[in-house]
Amino acid sequence: MGEPGATEVFEAVRPKLHGVAYRMTGSVSDADDICQEAWLRWQATDRTEVREPEGFLVRTVTRLCLDRLKSAAVRREHYVGPWLPEPLVSDVGNPPREAEVDPAHAAELADSLTYAFLVVLDELDPVERAVVLLHDVFGYPFRDVAAAVGRGEAAVRQTASRARQRIRAEHHPTRRPSDPEVAQLMAQMLTALAAGDVEALMACLAPDVVSLDDGGPKQRAARRPVVGPDRVARLWTNLAKRGAHLTTRFVDVNGRPGLLLSDGDEPFIVMSVEIDDAGRVSRIFSQLNPDKLTHLRP
């Protein structure tokens, strides 16, 4: 057991550590493992020599994430179909607990947890990802970010600038729709799907809508992004017919309204959407890979 105070210090910063690790890896299980390893290292450290416990722990978690991503690179290169992160699912109105932050920063922190942002973040190399998260999302100064990734401060600033350009090129955030607006639109989609009404479903979709389905190697799913309202509507109408036995529940998915479809007690699909300025669905993210839903089992 650690000395008195060690546990309290670690637990106070654990939500932030888990938030960094989850965003870096896209995996709940990896984030849990990394936080556990950070705790073991924290216990084994001479804490009298640590001036800034939070900085020490964030550096530790960042380096563990970089090591984890390096070892997973080959597996990711051979991944079957689109890759999506493991979903964070909670009851409606009870989003994932994050570290305490300034209210003015809370919306930015929440936006960085969405599927739309995480998919773009995954396109960056691991160091770029760490720099953007630590500086732009969590607000650490470049001096601390440089120490975490093991590079000079000037190099880290250049990395941040390059990564931001890539994010802007891929991620086009529009107005942030309210949760009731998203939930209402998803309810309209469900009604159309239940009726097998392709035209009604298409009316909910943007002209450039894209559906990304992560089935991994074990679950049948589209192996490439499905583009366009007609193709997306027919894809989901066919899925609805095959999944007529599934139960559907509104949940929060990564802090935004989403759906959990279950086969008995087994989670089968977790779905979330992104909405454009016209109030239509522009992106559908569906996680079907059973290996990425194990943490949702009762």
Protein backbone atom coordinates (compact mmCIF):
# COMPACT_ATOMS: atom_id res chain seq x y z
CA MET A 1 0.00 0.00 0.00
CA GLY A 2 1.18 3.53 -0.68
CA GLU A 3 1.78 6.09 2.03
CA PRO A 4 -1.18 8.20 3.22
CA GLY A 5 -2.07 10.72 0.58
CA ALA A 6 -0.73 8.79 -2.41
CA THR A 7 -4.12 7.27 -3.23
CA GLU A 8 -5.94 10.56 -2.81
CA VAL A 9 -3.51 12.37 -5.10
CA PHE A 10 -3.85 9.73 -7.79
CA GLU A 11 -7.64 9.44 -7.57
CA ALA A 12 -8.02 13.20 -7.86
CA VAL A 13 -6.35 13.16 -11.28
CA ARG A 14 -7.51 9.72 -12.46
CA PRO A 15 -10.48 11.03 -14.54
CA LYS A 16 -8.10 13.27 -16.49
CA LEU A 17 -5.58 10.44 -16.91
CA HIS A 18 -8.30 8.13 -18.19
CA GLY A 19 -9.57 10.88 -20.50
CA VAL A 20 -6.12 11.31 -22.04
CA ALA A 21 -5.57 7.55 -22.37
CA TYR A 22 -8.99 6.88 -23.90
CA ARG A 23 -8.66 9.67 -26.46
CA MET A 24 -5.15 8.51 -27.34
CA THR A 25 -5.99 4.82 -27.78
CA GLY A 26 -9.72 4.83 -28.56
CA SER A 27 -10.04 1.90 -26.18
CA VAL A 28 -11.73 1.73 -22.79
CA SER A 29 -9.83 -1.40 -21.84
CA ASP A 30 -6.47 0.07 -22.88
CA ALA A 31 -7.22 3.25 -20.93
CA ASP A 32 -8.07 1.16 -17.85
CA ASP A 33 -4.83 -0.85 -18.21
CA ILE A 34 -2.73 2.28 -18.71
CA CYS A 35 -4.20 3.96 -15.64
CA GLN A 36 -3.50 0.83 -13.60
CA GLU A 37 0.12 0.77 -14.80
CA ALA A 38 0.46 4.48 -13.99
CA TRP A 39 -0.84 3.77 -10.49
CA LEU A 40 1.74 1.02 -9.99
CA ARG A 41 4.51 3.34 -11.14
CA TRP A 42 3.18 6.09 -8.88
CA GLN A 43 3.35 3.72 -5.92
CA ALA A 44 6.92 2.72 -6.78
CA THR A 45 8.12 6.33 -7.18
CA ASP A 46 9.87 8.35 -4.50
CA ARG A 47 7.13 10.93 -4.32
CA THR A 48 9.21 13.29 -2.18
CA GLU A 49 11.13 13.99 -5.40
CA VAL A 50 7.98 14.80 -7.40
CA ARG A 51 7.19 18.52 -7.40
CA GLU A 52 4.09 18.33 -9.60
CA PRO A 53 2.22 15.03 -9.14
CA GLU A 54 -0.30 15.75 -11.90
CA GLY A 55 2.44 16.58 -14.39
CA PHE A 56 4.33 13.43 -13.46
CA LEU A 57 1.25 11.26 -13.88
CA VAL A 58 0.20 12.84 -17.18
CA ARG A 59 3.72 12.32 -18.55
CA THR A 60 3.63 8.71 -17.40
CA VAL A 61 0.26 8.04 -19.03
CA THR A 62 1.26 9.78 -22.26
CA ARG A 63 4.40 7.68 -22.59
CA LEU A 64 2.47 4.49 -21.82
CA CYS A 65 -0.04 5.44 -24.53
CA LEU A 66 2.72 6.06 -27.07
CA ASP A 67 4.22 2.65 -26.27
CA ARG A 68 0.80 0.99 -26.55
CA LEU A 69 0.09 2.62 -29.91
CA LYS A 70 3.50 1.64 -31.27
CA SER A 71 2.88 -2.01 -30.42
CA ALA A 72 -0.63 -1.86 -31.94
CA ALA A 73 0.45 -0.25 -35.23
CA VAL A 74 0.82 -3.51 -37.16
CA ARG A 75 -2.56 -4.81 -35.99
CA ARG A 76 -4.24 -1.57 -37.03
CA GLU A 77 -2.70 -1.73 -40.51
CA HIS A 78 -4.46 -5.05 -41.08
CA TYR A 79 -7.76 -4.12 -39.43
CA VAL A 80 -10.83 -5.25 -41.37
CA GLY A 81 -13.02 -2.36 -42.51
CA PRO A 82 -13.35 1.10 -40.91
CA TRP A 83 -11.90 1.54 -37.43
CA LEU A 84 -13.98 3.25 -34.74
CA PRO A 85 -13.19 3.66 -31.04
CA GLU A 86 -14.81 1.66 -28.29
CA PRO A 87 -17.90 3.62 -27.23
CA LEU A 88 -18.42 5.25 -23.86
CA VAL A 89 -22.07 4.51 -23.11
CA SER A 90 -24.06 5.90 -20.20
CA ASP A 91 -27.67 6.58 -19.33
CA VAL A 92 -29.25 9.64 -20.93
CA GLY A 93 -28.26 12.77 -19.06
CA ASN A 94 -25.39 11.04 -17.28
CA PRO A 95 -22.34 11.61 -19.52
CA PRO A 96 -18.92 10.12 -18.75
CA ARG A 97 -17.24 11.71 -15.75
CA GLU A 98 -14.29 13.84 -16.71
CA ALA A 99 -11.82 15.83 -14.68
CA GLU A 100 -13.10 19.05 -13.17
CA VAL A 101 -12.51 21.85 -15.66
CA ASP A 102 -13.29 25.51 -16.07
CA PRO A 103 -16.90 25.79 -17.33
CA ALA A 104 -15.67 27.80 -20.33
CA HIS A 105 -13.51 24.83 -21.30
CA ALA A 106 -16.12 22.14 -20.64
CA ALA A 107 -17.74 22.28 -24.10
CA GLU A 108 -14.37 21.93 -25.85
CA LEU A 109 -13.47 18.98 -23.64
CA ALA A 110 -16.83 17.34 -24.39
CA ASP A 111 -16.44 17.91 -28.15
CA SER A 112 -13.05 16.19 -28.06
CA LEU A 113 -14.79 13.04 -26.80
CA THR A 114 -17.24 12.69 -29.71
CA TYR A 115 -16.87 10.01 -32.33
CA ALA A 116 -16.56 12.66 -35.03
CA PHE A 117 -13.47 14.16 -33.39
CA LEU A 118 -11.91 10.84 -32.33
CA VAL A 119 -12.10 9.46 -35.88
CA VAL A 120 -10.18 12.48 -37.17
CA LEU A 121 -7.76 12.32 -34.25
CA ASP A 122 -6.97 8.73 -35.17
CA GLU A 123 -5.64 9.93 -38.54
CA LEU A 124 -2.76 11.70 -36.74
CA ASP A 125 0.41 9.91 -35.79
CA PRO A 126 0.67 9.11 -32.04
CA VAL A 127 2.93 12.06 -31.14
CA GLU A 128 0.74 14.52 -33.04
CA ARG A 129 -2.25 13.08 -31.24
CA ALA A 130 -0.59 13.50 -27.84
CA VAL A 131 0.45 17.10 -28.57
CA VAL A 132 -3.03 18.16 -29.70
CA LEU A 133 -4.73 16.48 -26.76
CA LEU A 134 -2.38 17.70 -24.05
CA HIS A 135 -2.11 21.29 -25.29
CA ASP A 136 -5.28 22.11 -27.22
CA VAL A 137 -7.76 19.92 -25.32
CA PHE A 138 -6.41 19.64 -21.78
CA GLY A 139 -4.60 22.96 -21.73
CA TYR A 140 -1.09 21.95 -20.69
CA PRO A 141 1.68 24.41 -21.67
CA PHE A 142 4.05 23.41 -24.45
CA ARG A 143 6.86 23.05 -21.92
CA ASP A 144 4.98 20.23 -20.19
CA VAL A 145 3.85 18.70 -23.49
CA ALA A 146 7.45 18.57 -24.71
CA ALA A 147 8.49 16.75 -21.55
CA ALA A 148 5.65 14.25 -21.97
CA VAL A 149 6.50 13.32 -25.58
CA GLY A 150 10.26 13.59 -25.20
CA ARG A 151 10.84 16.33 -27.77
CA GLY A 152 12.01 19.93 -27.71
CA GLU A 153 9.49 22.69 -27.16
CA ALA A 154 10.10 24.28 -30.57
CA ALA A 155 9.56 20.93 -32.29
CA VAL A 156 6.37 20.37 -30.34
CA ARG A 157 5.01 23.76 -31.40
CA GLN A 158 5.65 22.83 -35.03
CA THR A 159 3.98 19.46 -34.48
CA ALA A 160 0.93 21.19 -33.00
CA SER A 161 0.64 23.56 -35.96
CA ARG A 162 0.91 20.71 -38.46
CA ALA A 163 -1.62 18.58 -36.58
CA ARG A 164 -4.13 21.43 -36.35
CA GLN A 165 -3.96 21.91 -40.11
CA ARG A 166 -4.73 18.24 -40.65
CA ILE A 167 -7.63 18.36 -38.19
CA ARG A 168 -9.11 21.46 -39.85
CA ALA A 169 -8.85 19.78 -43.24
CA GLU A 170 -10.77 16.70 -42.05
CA HIS A 171 -12.99 17.94 -39.23
CA HIS A 172 -15.50 20.62 -40.08
CA PRO A 173 -17.38 21.36 -36.86
CA THR A 174 -20.60 23.23 -37.45
CA ARG A 175 -22.97 24.57 -34.86
CA ARG A 176 -23.38 22.30 -31.86
CA PRO A 177 -26.95 20.93 -32.00
CA SER A 178 -28.78 20.55 -28.73
CA ASP A 179 -29.17 17.10 -27.27
CA PRO A 180 -32.98 17.17 -27.68
CA GLU A 181 -32.53 18.07 -31.37
CA VAL A 182 -30.21 15.10 -31.91
CA ALA A 183 -32.50 12.76 -29.99
CA GLN A 184 -35.56 13.91 -31.96
CA LEU A 185 -33.80 13.34 -35.28
CA MET A 186 -32.69 9.86 -34.21
CA ALA A 187 -36.26 9.10 -33.14
CA GLN A 188 -37.45 10.10 -36.62
CA MET A 189 -34.86 7.77 -38.13
CA LEU A 190 -36.05 4.91 -35.91
CA THR A 191 -39.67 5.51 -36.92
CA ALA A 192 -38.70 5.40 -40.60
CA LEU A 193 -36.62 2.26 -40.08
CA ALA A 194 -39.40 0.50 -38.21
CA ALA A 195 -41.78 1.26 -41.10
CA GLY A 196 -39.21 0.31 -43.74
CA ASP A 197 -39.78 3.78 -45.22
CA VAL A 198 -36.66 4.52 -47.28
CA GLU A 199 -37.94 7.92 -48.44
CA ALA A 200 -38.68 9.08 -44.89
CA LEU A 201 -35.25 7.94 -43.78
CA MET A 202 -33.58 9.75 -46.69
CA ALA A 203 -35.32 12.95 -45.61
CA CYS A 204 -33.33 12.78 -42.36
CA LEU A 205 -30.00 12.48 -44.17
CA ALA A 206 -27.69 15.13 -45.60
CA PRO A 207 -26.78 14.93 -49.31
CA ASP A 208 -23.18 14.04 -48.39
CA VAL A 209 -24.04 11.65 -45.53
CA VAL A 210 -21.48 8.95 -44.74
CA SER A 211 -22.08 5.81 -42.69
CA LEU A 212 -19.03 4.26 -40.99
CA ASP A 213 -19.58 0.76 -39.62
CA ASP A 214 -16.96 -1.03 -37.53
CA GLY A 215 -17.64 -4.76 -37.51
CA GLY A 216 -14.03 -5.84 -37.20
CA PRO A 217 -13.19 -9.38 -38.30
CA LYS A 218 -16.11 -11.03 -36.47
CA GLN A 219 -19.25 -9.11 -37.42
CA ARG A 220 -20.83 -8.56 -40.82
CA ALA A 221 -20.66 -4.87 -41.71
CA ALA A 222 -19.84 -2.58 -44.62
CA ARG A 223 -16.10 -2.83 -45.22
CA ARG A 224 -15.92 0.67 -46.70
CA PRO A 225 -17.67 3.96 -45.88
CA VAL A 226 -21.17 4.06 -47.36
CA VAL A 227 -21.78 7.42 -49.02
CA GLY A 228 -24.98 9.17 -50.11
CA PRO A 229 -28.54 9.24 -48.70
CA ASP A 230 -29.92 6.56 -51.02
CA ARG A 231 -27.20 3.99 -50.27
CA VAL A 232 -27.13 4.82 -46.55
CA ALA A 233 -30.92 4.63 -46.24
CA ARG A 234 -31.09 1.26 -48.00
CA LEU A 235 -28.21 -0.09 -45.92
CA TRP A 236 -29.90 0.81 -42.65
CA THR A 237 -33.34 -0.31 -43.83
CA ASN A 238 -31.90 -3.74 -44.61
CA LEU A 239 -30.11 -3.83 -41.27
CA ALA A 240 -33.38 -2.96 -39.52
CA LYS A 241 -35.15 -5.87 -41.21
CA ARG A 242 -32.44 -8.30 -40.11
CA GLY A 243 -32.39 -6.81 -36.63
CA ALA A 244 -36.13 -6.68 -35.99
CA HIS A 245 -35.59 -8.79 -32.84
CA LEU A 246 -33.17 -6.29 -31.30
CA THR A 247 -34.20 -4.03 -28.44
CA THR A 248 -33.39 -0.34 -28.78
CA ARG A 249 -32.55 2.10 -26.01
CA PHE A 250 -31.63 5.77 -26.10
CA VAL A 251 -28.31 6.34 -24.34
CA ASP A 252 -25.47 8.83 -24.26
CA VAL A 253 -22.62 7.78 -26.54
CA ASN A 254 -19.40 9.63 -25.83
CA GLY A 255 -21.37 12.43 -24.25
CA ARG A 256 -23.93 12.87 -27.04
CA PRO A 257 -27.34 11.23 -27.70
CA GLY A 258 -27.06 7.81 -29.28
CA LEU A 259 -28.60 4.36 -29.49
CA LEU A 260 -27.78 0.99 -27.99
CA LEU A 261 -29.27 -2.01 -29.81
CA SER A 262 -29.09 -5.27 -27.89
CA ASP A 263 -29.74 -8.93 -28.59
CA GLY A 264 -31.10 -10.01 -25.24
CA ASP A 265 -28.42 -9.00 -22.74
CA GLU A 266 -25.73 -8.78 -25.41
CA PRO A 267 -24.91 -5.32 -26.85
CA PHE A 268 -25.07 -5.57 -30.63
CA ILE A 269 -24.76 -2.06 -32.07
CA VAL A 270 -23.87 1.29 -30.56
CA MET A 271 -24.76 4.16 -32.87
CA SER A 272 -24.15 7.89 -32.82
CA VAL A 273 -24.57 10.63 -35.42
CA GLU A 274 -23.22 14.01 -36.45
CA ILE A 275 -25.64 16.69 -37.66
CA ASP A 276 -25.06 19.44 -40.22
CA ASP A 277 -26.22 23.06 -40.16
CA ALA A 278 -29.50 22.13 -41.85
CA GLY A 279 -30.37 19.70 -39.05
CA ARG A 280 -29.76 16.55 -41.09
CA VAL A 281 -27.53 13.58 -40.31
CA SER A 282 -24.15 14.01 -42.00
CA ARG A 283 -22.30 11.12 -40.33
CA ILE A 284 -23.44 7.84 -38.82
CA PHE A 285 -21.01 5.94 -36.62
CA SER A 286 -21.98 2.38 -35.73
CA GLN A 287 -19.87 0.11 -33.58
CA LEU A 288 -20.69 -3.57 -34.16
CA ASN A 289 -17.36 -5.21 -33.35
CA PRO A 290 -18.20 -7.50 -30.40
CA ASP A 291 -14.66 -7.18 -29.06
CA LYS A 292 -15.25 -3.44 -28.65
CA LEU A 293 -18.55 -3.88 -26.83
CA THR A 294 -17.51 -6.34 -24.13
CA HIS A 295 -17.28 -3.59 -21.51
CA LEU A 296 -21.02 -2.92 -22.01
CA ARG A 297 -22.13 -6.39 -21.03
CA PRO A 298 -24.09 -6.59 -17.76
